[in-house]
Amino acid sequence: MKKFKKFYLEITSVCNLACSFCPPTIRERQFVSVDDFSKRLDQIKPHTDYINLHVKGEPLLHPKIDQLLDISYEKGFKVNITTNGTLINKRKDQLLHKPALRQMNFSMHSFDGQEFSIDKEEYVGSVLSFIKEATSESNMIASLRFWNLSQDNTTNLEKQRNREILEIIESEFNLPYKIEEKITPGSGIKIAERIYINQDYEFKWPALEEEEDDGRGFCYGLRNQAGILSNGTVIPCCLDGEGVIDLGNINDASFSEIIADERATKLVDGFSQRIAVEELCRKCGYRKRFGK
C-alpha cells in the first residue's frame, strides 16, 4: 500500500485575500461538508497519517473547522494548517486544545501589498498571541513563513518589505539579533519553544499558459505527496491548484483505485526516469529545484 508523507486535503476553495503570489482559483467556490470530509479521511487512511488542510483557499474560513479537527483526531490523523492568519482571532476558540493539530503555518508574506482593514501591528500581534498560547498549552508547532524572497540575489528580508513585521517579532520574543542575520533561504530558525521562522524564495504556480521546458527532471508528486481538491478531484501535488492533472474524482472511485490507474502510474514512472510526462509538470518551475 503506497504511503504518502504529505497529503493535501483542501477543505475550501474560497479565500478572503487576493495575494499577488497566489493566483485566484477559477474553480467553483466550495466548502467540504463534515460528512464528505469524514468519508475522504476513511479513503486515505491506509495511505497517510498526516494531512494538510489546504491547497488553495483559506482553511480558517471553514465554519466547522473545529469539527473537522475532532474527526481527524478520532480517525488517528495529525493535522497541519497553512493560513494567512487574518481570521485567527475569529477561529481561536475552535483551534485551541485540539489534539489533532500538529502544526500551524502562518504566511506572514500575505500582508505584503494587501489592503487590510487592520494595521500591521494588530495583524502580527493577533498571530503571535495565538501561537504563544497554543504552543504553551499543547505540543503544536508554529511556523511564521516569509516565502517572498526574489530569485535575483535579493535575499535580505529587509529588502522584501518585511522589516516592520520582523521588528515586532524581535521585540515580542526579546531576540538579541536581527532575524535576517541568522536565517538562510530554504531553512528556518527557532525563536522559542516550538516556534520557528522560515524563509524561502517566492515560487510561481505552474500553469498551462507558461513556457514549456525540456521535460527533464524529478518531482515527488505521487511519490511522497498527493492531494484532493474540495470538489473531489485527486491531484498529484499541492501545486496543481486547478486540478489540471485530474487523476479521477473521489466521488466516483476509491482513492486507492485512482492512484493505481494508468495516468497516475505513468506520471510516477516518468519521474523515475527523470521525465515529466504531464504538460503541467513541464511548465512547473518548482520542479527545477530538484535538479535534472
Protein backbone atom coordinates (compact mmCIF):
# COMPACT_ATOMS: atom_id res chain seq x y z
CA MET A 1 0.00 0.00 0.00
CA LYS A 2 1.54 3.31 -1.08
CA LYS A 3 2.10 5.70 1.84
CA PHE A 4 2.39 9.47 1.47
CA LYS A 5 4.43 11.69 3.74
CA LYS A 6 2.31 14.73 2.82
CA PHE A 7 -1.35 14.72 1.95
CA TYR A 8 -3.22 17.87 0.96
CA LEU A 9 -6.93 17.73 1.75
CA GLU A 10 -8.46 21.03 0.61
CA ILE A 11 -11.49 21.93 2.75
CA THR A 12 -12.44 25.08 0.84
CA SER A 13 -11.53 26.73 -2.46
CA VAL A 14 -12.51 30.15 -1.08
CA CYS A 15 -10.03 32.74 0.16
CA ASN A 16 -10.55 36.11 1.84
CA LEU A 17 -7.42 37.66 0.29
CA ALA A 18 -6.07 38.25 -3.21
CA CYS A 19 -2.32 37.78 -2.82
CA SER A 20 -0.02 38.59 -5.72
CA PHE A 21 1.90 35.34 -5.28
CA CYS A 22 -1.20 33.11 -5.32
CA PRO A 23 -3.42 33.16 -8.44
CA PRO A 24 -7.14 33.02 -7.56
CA THR A 25 -8.75 29.71 -8.43
CA ILE A 26 -11.22 29.57 -11.31
CA ARG A 27 -12.92 26.58 -9.72
CA GLU A 28 -16.35 26.74 -8.13
CA ARG A 29 -16.45 28.27 -4.65
CA GLN A 30 -16.86 25.29 -2.38
CA PHE A 31 -16.70 24.10 1.22
CA VAL A 32 -16.32 20.40 2.03
CA SER A 33 -19.16 19.12 4.21
CA VAL A 34 -18.36 17.41 7.51
CA ASP A 35 -19.78 14.15 6.15
CA ASP A 36 -17.71 14.27 2.95
CA PHE A 37 -14.60 15.17 4.93
CA SER A 38 -15.10 12.11 7.14
CA LYS A 39 -15.56 9.86 4.11
CA ARG A 40 -12.39 11.21 2.50
CA LEU A 41 -10.42 10.50 5.64
CA ASP A 42 -11.60 6.90 5.52
CA GLN A 43 -10.46 6.68 1.90
CA ILE A 44 -6.94 7.97 2.54
CA LYS A 45 -6.34 6.40 5.96
CA PRO A 46 -4.35 3.45 4.56
CA HIS A 47 -2.11 5.89 2.71
CA THR A 48 -1.13 8.56 5.24
CA ASP A 49 -1.18 9.69 8.86
CA TYR A 50 -0.63 13.41 8.19
CA ILE A 51 -2.97 15.78 6.40
CA ASN A 52 -2.65 19.40 5.32
CA LEU A 53 -6.00 21.20 5.15
CA HIS A 54 -5.24 23.34 2.13
CA VAL A 55 -4.26 23.55 -1.50
CA LYS A 56 -5.92 26.79 -2.50
CA GLY A 57 -8.39 28.63 -0.26
CA GLU A 58 -8.12 29.81 3.33
CA PRO A 59 -8.86 26.89 5.70
CA LEU A 60 -9.91 29.13 8.60
CA LEU A 61 -12.87 30.30 6.51
CA HIS A 62 -14.43 26.89 7.07
CA PRO A 63 -17.11 27.46 9.73
CA LYS A 64 -16.79 23.92 11.09
CA ILE A 65 -13.02 23.73 11.32
CA ASP A 66 -13.31 22.53 14.92
CA GLN A 67 -15.47 19.56 13.88
CA LEU A 68 -13.04 18.66 11.10
CA LEU A 69 -10.19 18.64 13.64
CA ASP A 70 -12.18 16.46 16.04
CA ILE A 71 -12.98 13.93 13.29
CA SER A 72 -9.33 13.92 12.23
CA TYR A 73 -8.28 13.09 15.78
CA GLU A 74 -10.89 10.34 16.11
CA LYS A 75 -9.54 8.73 12.93
CA GLY A 76 -5.91 8.98 14.01
CA PHE A 77 -4.66 11.83 11.80
CA LYS A 78 -2.23 14.61 12.62
CA VAL A 79 -3.22 17.91 11.00
CA ASN A 80 -1.17 20.76 9.54
CA ILE A 81 -2.85 24.03 8.63
CA THR A 82 -1.39 26.81 6.49
CA THR A 83 -3.21 30.12 6.90
CA ASN A 84 -2.79 33.81 6.15
CA GLY A 85 -3.65 34.39 9.82
CA THR A 86 -6.23 37.13 9.30
CA LEU A 87 -9.02 35.08 10.89
CA ILE A 88 -7.07 33.74 13.84
CA ASN A 89 -8.99 35.74 16.46
CA LYS A 90 -12.30 34.62 14.98
CA ARG A 91 -11.32 30.91 14.99
CA LYS A 92 -9.16 30.91 18.12
CA ASP A 93 -11.62 29.02 20.34
CA GLN A 94 -12.21 26.45 17.59
CA LEU A 95 -8.49 25.72 17.29
CA LEU A 96 -7.13 25.73 20.82
CA HIS A 97 -6.97 22.44 22.72
CA LYS A 98 -7.40 20.34 19.57
CA PRO A 99 -5.06 17.32 19.91
CA ALA A 100 -5.14 16.63 16.16
CA LEU A 101 -3.49 19.97 15.41
CA ARG A 102 0.19 19.18 14.88
CA GLN A 103 1.39 22.36 13.16
CA MET A 104 0.15 25.76 12.02
CA ASN A 105 1.99 27.70 9.34
CA PHE A 106 1.32 31.42 9.07
CA SER A 107 2.05 33.00 5.69
CA MET A 108 3.26 36.34 7.00
CA HIS A 109 4.13 37.45 3.47
CA SER A 110 0.36 37.59 2.84
CA PHE A 111 0.40 41.08 4.37
CA ASP A 112 2.75 42.29 1.68
CA GLY A 113 0.90 44.55 -0.78
CA GLN A 114 -2.54 43.87 0.69
CA GLU A 115 -5.30 46.31 1.55
CA PHE A 116 -6.12 45.38 5.13
CA SER A 117 -8.82 46.70 7.44
CA ILE A 118 -6.39 46.12 10.35
CA ASP A 119 -2.92 47.56 10.73
CA LYS A 120 0.28 45.57 10.63
CA GLU A 121 0.84 45.61 14.39
CA GLU A 122 -2.68 44.37 15.10
CA TYR A 123 -2.31 41.60 12.50
CA VAL A 124 1.06 40.40 13.75
CA GLY A 125 0.00 40.81 17.39
CA SER A 126 -3.03 38.57 16.95
CA VAL A 127 -0.94 35.85 15.29
CA LEU A 128 1.78 35.98 17.94
CA SER A 129 -0.74 35.99 20.77
CA PHE A 130 -2.36 32.86 19.40
CA ILE A 131 0.82 30.90 18.81
CA LYS A 132 2.17 31.76 22.25
CA GLU A 133 -0.98 30.44 23.88
CA ALA A 134 -1.29 27.41 21.60
CA THR A 135 2.33 26.27 21.95
CA SER A 136 2.33 26.75 25.70
CA GLU A 137 -0.79 24.63 26.18
CA SER A 138 -0.10 21.87 23.65
CA ASN A 139 2.60 20.29 21.52
CA MET A 140 1.55 22.28 18.46
CA ILE A 141 4.37 23.66 16.31
CA ALA A 142 4.08 27.14 14.81
CA SER A 143 5.92 28.40 11.74
CA LEU A 144 5.98 32.06 10.71
CA ARG A 145 6.66 31.98 6.98
CA PHE A 146 8.29 34.62 4.79
CA TRP A 147 8.22 32.99 1.38
CA ASN A 148 8.69 36.13 -0.68
CA LEU A 149 12.40 36.31 -1.44
CA SER A 150 13.32 37.26 -5.00
CA GLN A 151 15.44 34.92 -7.12
CA ASP A 152 17.70 37.80 -8.26
CA ASN A 153 20.03 37.52 -5.25
CA THR A 154 17.83 39.87 -3.21
CA THR A 155 17.93 37.63 -0.17
CA ASN A 156 17.80 40.25 2.57
CA LEU A 157 14.40 40.17 4.25
CA GLU A 158 14.57 43.91 4.85
CA LYS A 159 14.61 44.46 1.08
CA GLN A 160 11.45 42.38 0.88
CA ARG A 161 9.41 44.87 2.93
CA ASN A 162 9.24 42.52 5.92
CA ARG A 163 11.36 44.54 8.32
CA GLU A 164 8.40 46.11 10.15
CA ILE A 165 6.90 42.68 10.85
CA LEU A 166 10.28 41.28 11.87
CA GLU A 167 10.82 44.13 14.31
CA ILE A 168 7.52 43.31 16.02
CA ILE A 169 8.53 39.64 16.30
CA GLU A 170 12.00 40.50 17.59
CA SER A 171 10.51 42.75 20.24
CA GLU A 172 7.81 40.27 21.29
CA PHE A 173 10.33 37.46 21.77
CA ASN A 174 13.17 39.67 23.06
CA LEU A 175 15.53 38.47 20.35
CA PRO A 176 19.05 39.91 20.72
CA TYR A 177 19.64 39.83 16.97
CA LYS A 178 18.08 40.79 13.66
CA ILE A 179 16.31 37.78 12.21
CA GLU A 180 17.76 38.21 8.73
CA GLU A 181 21.25 37.90 10.21
CA LYS A 182 20.52 34.37 11.42
CA ILE A 183 18.26 32.87 8.76
CA THR A 184 19.09 31.50 5.30
CA PRO A 185 16.73 30.86 2.36
CA GLY A 186 15.07 27.46 2.40
CA SER A 187 15.60 26.97 6.13
CA GLY A 188 14.31 28.18 9.46
CA ILE A 189 15.39 29.31 12.90
CA LYS A 190 13.88 28.55 16.28
CA ILE A 191 12.89 31.70 18.19
CA ALA A 192 11.04 29.99 21.08
CA GLU A 193 9.92 26.53 22.13
CA ARG A 194 8.08 25.00 19.11
CA ILE A 195 8.03 28.40 17.32
CA TYR A 196 10.04 28.88 14.13
CA ILE A 197 10.59 31.44 11.40
CA ASN A 198 11.01 30.06 7.89
CA GLN A 199 12.25 31.92 4.85
CA ASP A 200 12.22 30.85 1.21
CA TYR A 201 12.10 32.12 -2.35
CA GLU A 202 8.80 33.07 -3.91
CA PHE A 203 7.71 30.43 -6.40
CA LYS A 204 5.45 30.66 -9.42
CA TRP A 205 2.41 28.43 -9.60
CA PRO A 206 2.55 26.20 -12.70
CA ALA A 207 0.01 26.98 -15.42
CA LEU A 208 -0.66 25.68 -18.90
CA GLU A 209 -0.04 29.11 -20.43
CA GLU A 210 3.55 29.14 -19.10
CA GLU A 211 6.54 28.25 -21.27
CA GLU A 212 7.32 24.56 -21.51
CA ASP A 213 10.82 23.26 -20.75
CA ASP A 214 12.58 20.13 -21.99
CA GLY A 215 10.69 17.95 -19.51
CA ARG A 216 13.80 16.58 -17.84
CA GLY A 217 13.83 16.42 -14.07
CA PHE A 218 12.29 14.92 -10.99
CA CYS A 219 9.34 15.56 -8.68
CA TYR A 220 7.91 13.97 -5.56
CA GLY A 221 4.32 14.23 -6.81
CA LEU A 222 2.50 10.92 -6.13
CA ARG A 223 5.75 9.64 -4.65
CA ASN A 224 5.64 11.22 -1.21
CA GLN A 225 2.63 13.52 -1.64
CA ALA A 226 -0.85 13.68 -3.14
CA GLY A 227 -4.00 15.74 -2.66
CA ILE A 228 -7.74 16.02 -3.03
CA LEU A 229 -9.38 19.30 -4.00
CA SER A 230 -12.62 20.44 -2.40
CA ASN A 231 -14.58 19.21 -5.44
CA GLY A 232 -13.15 15.70 -5.01
CA THR A 233 -10.51 15.83 -7.76
CA VAL A 234 -7.40 13.81 -6.92
CA ILE A 235 -4.15 15.65 -7.78
CA PRO A 236 -0.51 14.56 -7.65
CA CYS A 237 0.87 17.54 -5.71
CA CYS A 238 -0.03 20.73 -3.86
CA LEU A 239 0.87 22.97 -6.82
CA ASP A 240 -1.87 21.66 -9.11
CA GLY A 241 -4.34 24.16 -7.66
CA GLU A 242 -6.77 23.92 -10.58
CA GLY A 243 -6.82 20.14 -10.90
CA VAL A 244 -5.24 20.20 -14.37
CA ILE A 245 -3.77 16.75 -13.75
CA ASP A 246 -7.17 15.27 -12.92
CA LEU A 247 -6.38 11.72 -11.84
CA GLY A 248 -10.00 10.98 -11.01
CA ASN A 249 -12.67 12.01 -8.55
CA ILE A 250 -13.07 10.60 -5.07
CA ASN A 251 -16.84 10.69 -5.55
CA ASP A 252 -16.62 8.28 -8.49
CA ALA A 253 -13.87 5.87 -7.48
CA SER A 254 -11.82 5.00 -4.42
CA PHE A 255 -8.58 6.85 -3.80
CA SER A 256 -6.64 3.57 -3.88
CA GLU A 257 -8.03 2.79 -7.34
CA ILE A 258 -7.33 6.28 -8.66
CA ILE A 259 -3.62 6.34 -7.75
CA ALA A 260 -3.16 2.87 -9.24
CA ASP A 261 -4.76 3.89 -12.54
CA GLU A 262 -2.89 4.43 -15.81
CA ARG A 263 -2.43 8.21 -15.69
CA ALA A 264 -1.08 8.19 -12.14
CA THR A 265 1.23 5.26 -12.89
CA LYS A 266 2.66 6.94 -15.98
CA LEU A 267 3.38 10.12 -14.01
CA VAL A 268 5.34 8.25 -11.33
CA ASP A 269 7.16 6.02 -13.79
CA GLY A 270 8.09 9.07 -15.86
CA PHE A 271 9.75 10.83 -12.96
CA SER A 272 11.57 7.61 -12.08
CA GLN A 273 13.26 8.08 -15.46
CA ARG A 274 13.63 11.86 -14.84
CA ILE A 275 10.96 12.68 -17.43
CA ALA A 276 7.87 14.87 -16.89
CA VAL A 277 5.11 13.18 -18.85
CA GLU A 278 2.39 15.71 -17.93
CA GLU A 279 2.23 19.06 -19.71
CA LEU A 280 1.68 20.96 -16.46
CA CYS A 281 4.79 19.36 -14.96
CA ARG A 282 6.85 20.55 -17.94
CA LYS A 283 5.65 24.07 -17.13
CA CYS A 284 6.41 23.92 -13.42
CA GLY A 285 9.37 25.98 -12.26
CA TYR A 286 9.26 24.43 -8.80
CA ARG A 287 10.26 21.07 -10.30
CA LYS A 288 13.65 22.58 -11.18
CA ARG A 289 14.53 22.77 -7.50
CA PHE A 290 15.04 19.00 -7.56
CA GLY A 291 17.56 19.21 -10.40
CA LYS A 292 17.81 17.16 -13.55
